[in-house]
């Protein structure tokens, strides 16, 4: 197991059966076997997402990523943000610039 992460959770219990979602299982396997093969970084967006939800689960997620270097948000990074691209497109269309003029 990856230090700081709980065991096979979330789990679902059905009468006589216990299973872990395939997605969770695959992610856990990657963290256990492949993580050391990469230099990992974290963005402010991911840090914010990790802090959401169940307080105990959030605490464990934040502990697991606490040592990852935090990426700087540059103008180039912001340009990759899909919501920013949409906002820019709406602004251009509203001012008569860009494609799709009405």
C-alpha atoms as a PDB file:
ATOM      1  CA  UNK A   1       0.000   0.000   0.000  1.00  0.00           C
ATOM      2  CA  UNK A   2       1.031   3.620  -0.515  1.00  0.00           C
ATOM      3  CA  UNK A   3       1.836   5.188   2.871  1.00  0.00           C
ATOM      4  CA  UNK A   4      -0.984   7.389   4.108  1.00  0.00           C
ATOM      5  CA  UNK A   5      -3.655   5.871   1.871  1.00  0.00           C
ATOM      6  CA  UNK A   6      -6.307   3.613   3.330  1.00  0.00           C
ATOM      7  CA  UNK A   7      -6.733  -0.006   2.314  1.00  0.00           C
ATOM      8  CA  UNK A   8      -9.155  -1.101  -0.406  1.00  0.00           C
ATOM      9  CA  UNK A   9     -11.678   1.640   0.000  1.00  0.00           C
ATOM     10  CA  UNK A  10     -14.191   2.722  -1.166  1.00  0.00           C
ATOM     11  CA  UNK A  11     -15.711  -0.706  -0.960  1.00  0.00           C
ATOM     12  CA  UNK A  12     -19.275  -1.756  -1.435  1.00  0.00           C
ATOM     13  CA  UNK A  13     -20.853  -4.593   0.434  1.00  0.00           C
ATOM     14  CA  UNK A  14     -23.510  -6.805  -1.062  1.00  0.00           C
ATOM     15  CA  UNK A  15     -24.875  -9.880   0.669  1.00  0.00           C
ATOM     16  CA  UNK A  16     -21.925 -12.272   0.708  1.00  0.00           C
ATOM     17  CA  UNK A  17     -19.783 -10.154  -1.640  1.00  0.00           C
ATOM     18  CA  UNK A  18     -17.240  -7.396  -1.255  1.00  0.00           C
ATOM     19  CA  UNK A  19     -15.726  -5.615  -4.206  1.00  0.00           C
ATOM     20  CA  UNK A  20     -13.674  -2.591  -5.045  1.00  0.00           C
ATOM     21  CA  UNK A  21     -14.370  -0.543  -8.146  1.00  0.00           C
ATOM     22  CA  UNK A  22     -12.088  -1.409 -11.064  1.00  0.00           C
ATOM     23  CA  UNK A  23     -11.066   2.245 -11.373  1.00  0.00           C
ATOM     24  CA  UNK A  24     -10.054   2.453  -7.710  1.00  0.00           C
ATOM     25  CA  UNK A  25      -8.228  -0.858  -7.950  1.00  0.00           C
ATOM     26  CA  UNK A  26      -6.293   0.258 -11.041  1.00  0.00           C
ATOM     27  CA  UNK A  27      -5.355   3.584  -9.423  1.00  0.00           C
ATOM     28  CA  UNK A  28      -4.217   1.886  -6.231  1.00  0.00           C
ATOM     29  CA  UNK A  29      -2.116  -0.587  -8.228  1.00  0.00           C
ATOM     30  CA  UNK A  30      -0.450   2.286 -10.128  1.00  0.00           C
ATOM     31  CA  UNK A  31       0.397   4.087  -6.871  1.00  0.00           C
ATOM     32  CA  UNK A  32       1.890   0.897  -5.451  1.00  0.00           C
ATOM     33  CA  UNK A  33       3.876  -0.235  -8.496  1.00  0.00           C
ATOM     34  CA  UNK A  34       4.570   2.678 -10.864  1.00  0.00           C
ATOM     35  CA  UNK A  35       4.635   5.894  -8.846  1.00  0.00           C
ATOM     36  CA  UNK A  36       8.374   5.639  -8.196  1.00  0.00           C
ATOM     37  CA  UNK A  37       8.994   5.644 -11.973  1.00  0.00           C
ATOM     38  CA  UNK A  38       7.824   9.251 -12.302  1.00  0.00           C
ATOM     39  CA  UNK A  39       8.608  12.683 -10.928  1.00  0.00           C
ATOM     40  CA  UNK A  40       5.229  13.832  -9.650  1.00  0.00           C
ATOM     41  CA  UNK A  41       3.947  17.392  -9.310  1.00  0.00           C
ATOM     42  CA  UNK A  42       0.622  18.830  -8.238  1.00  0.00           C
ATOM     43  CA  UNK A  43      -1.381  21.807  -9.446  1.00  0.00           C
ATOM     44  CA  UNK A  44      -3.378  24.168  -7.246  1.00  0.00           C
ATOM     45  CA  UNK A  45      -6.538  22.798  -8.930  1.00  0.00           C
ATOM     46  CA  UNK A  46      -5.723  19.221  -7.907  1.00  0.00           C
ATOM     47  CA  UNK A  47      -4.780  20.341  -4.414  1.00  0.00           C
ATOM     48  CA  UNK A  48      -8.198  21.990  -4.076  1.00  0.00           C
ATOM     49  CA  UNK A  49      -9.978  18.892  -5.356  1.00  0.00           C
ATOM     50  CA  UNK A  50      -8.035  16.648  -2.949  1.00  0.00           C
ATOM     51  CA  UNK A  51      -9.220  18.775  -0.020  1.00  0.00           C
ATOM     52  CA  UNK A  52     -12.911  18.307  -0.880  1.00  0.00           C
ATOM     53  CA  UNK A  53     -15.303  15.613   0.249  1.00  0.00           C
ATOM     54  CA  UNK A  54     -15.206  13.444   3.333  1.00  0.00           C
ATOM     55  CA  UNK A  55     -12.878  15.127   5.863  1.00  0.00           C
ATOM     56  CA  UNK A  56     -11.022  11.917   6.780  1.00  0.00           C
ATOM     57  CA  UNK A  57     -10.573  10.872   3.135  1.00  0.00           C
ATOM     58  CA  UNK A  58      -9.446  14.417   2.276  1.00  0.00           C
ATOM     59  CA  UNK A  59      -6.908  14.314   5.112  1.00  0.00           C
ATOM     60  CA  UNK A  60      -5.479  11.050   3.760  1.00  0.00           C
ATOM     61  CA  UNK A  61      -5.358  12.377   0.186  1.00  0.00           C
ATOM     62  CA  UNK A  62      -3.608  15.566   1.284  1.00  0.00           C
ATOM     63  CA  UNK A  63      -1.105  13.581   3.359  1.00  0.00           C
ATOM     64  CA  UNK A  64      -0.331  11.360   0.364  1.00  0.00           C
ATOM     65  CA  UNK A  65       0.460  14.343  -1.872  1.00  0.00           C
ATOM     66  CA  UNK A  66       2.012  16.632   0.760  1.00  0.00           C
ATOM     67  CA  UNK A  67       5.567  16.207  -0.541  1.00  0.00           C
ATOM     68  CA  UNK A  68       4.741  16.834  -4.212  1.00  0.00           C
ATOM     69  CA  UNK A  69       6.109  20.104  -5.589  1.00  0.00           C
ATOM     70  CA  UNK A  70       3.363  22.617  -6.400  1.00  0.00           C
ATOM     71  CA  UNK A  71       3.284  23.820  -9.999  1.00  0.00           C
ATOM     72  CA  UNK A  72       3.153  27.530 -10.706  1.00  0.00           C
ATOM     73  CA  UNK A  73       0.123  28.725 -12.646  1.00  0.00           C
ATOM     74  CA  UNK A  74       1.519  30.698 -15.575  1.00  0.00           C
ATOM     75  CA  UNK A  75      -0.316  32.479 -18.377  1.00  0.00           C
ATOM     76  CA  UNK A  76       0.496  29.518 -20.645  1.00  0.00           C
ATOM     77  CA  UNK A  77      -1.080  27.125 -18.153  1.00  0.00           C
ATOM     78  CA  UNK A  78      -4.164  29.311 -17.847  1.00  0.00           C
ATOM     79  CA  UNK A  79      -4.546  29.241 -21.635  1.00  0.00           C
ATOM     80  CA  UNK A  80      -4.891  25.445 -21.430  1.00  0.00           C
ATOM     81  CA  UNK A  81      -7.792  25.731 -18.985  1.00  0.00           C
ATOM     82  CA  UNK A  82     -10.973  24.734 -20.885  1.00  0.00           C
ATOM     83  CA  UNK A  83     -13.210  27.077 -18.874  1.00  0.00           C
ATOM     84  CA  UNK A  84     -10.873  29.977 -19.634  1.00  0.00           C
ATOM     85  CA  UNK A  85     -10.933  29.113 -23.347  1.00  0.00           C
ATOM     86  CA  UNK A  86     -14.735  29.162 -23.275  1.00  0.00           C
ATOM     87  CA  UNK A  87     -14.768  32.471 -21.384  1.00  0.00           C
ATOM     88  CA  UNK A  88     -12.363  33.978 -23.933  1.00  0.00           C
ATOM     89  CA  UNK A  89     -14.492  32.724 -26.842  1.00  0.00           C
ATOM     90  CA  UNK A  90     -17.653  34.214 -25.297  1.00  0.00           C
ATOM     91  CA  UNK A  91     -15.876  37.536 -24.775  1.00  0.00           C
ATOM     92  CA  UNK A  92     -14.633  37.584 -28.379  1.00  0.00           C
ATOM     93  CA  UNK A  93     -18.090  36.791 -29.720  1.00  0.00           C
ATOM     94  CA  UNK A  94     -19.699  39.387 -27.483  1.00  0.00           C
ATOM     95  CA  UNK A  95     -17.400  42.118 -28.774  1.00  0.00           C
ATOM     96  CA  UNK A  96     -17.733  41.047 -32.412  1.00  0.00           C
ATOM     97  CA  UNK A  97     -14.260  39.495 -32.585  1.00  0.00           C
ATOM     98  CA  UNK A  98     -13.334  35.959 -33.599  1.00  0.00           C
ATOM     99  CA  UNK A  99     -15.347  33.373 -35.486  1.00  0.00           C
ATOM    100  CA  UNK A 100     -19.043  32.780 -35.156  1.00  0.00           C
ATOM    101  CA  UNK A 101     -20.197  36.377 -35.364  1.00  0.00           C
ATOM    102  CA  UNK A 102     -23.974  36.737 -35.505  1.00  0.00           C
END
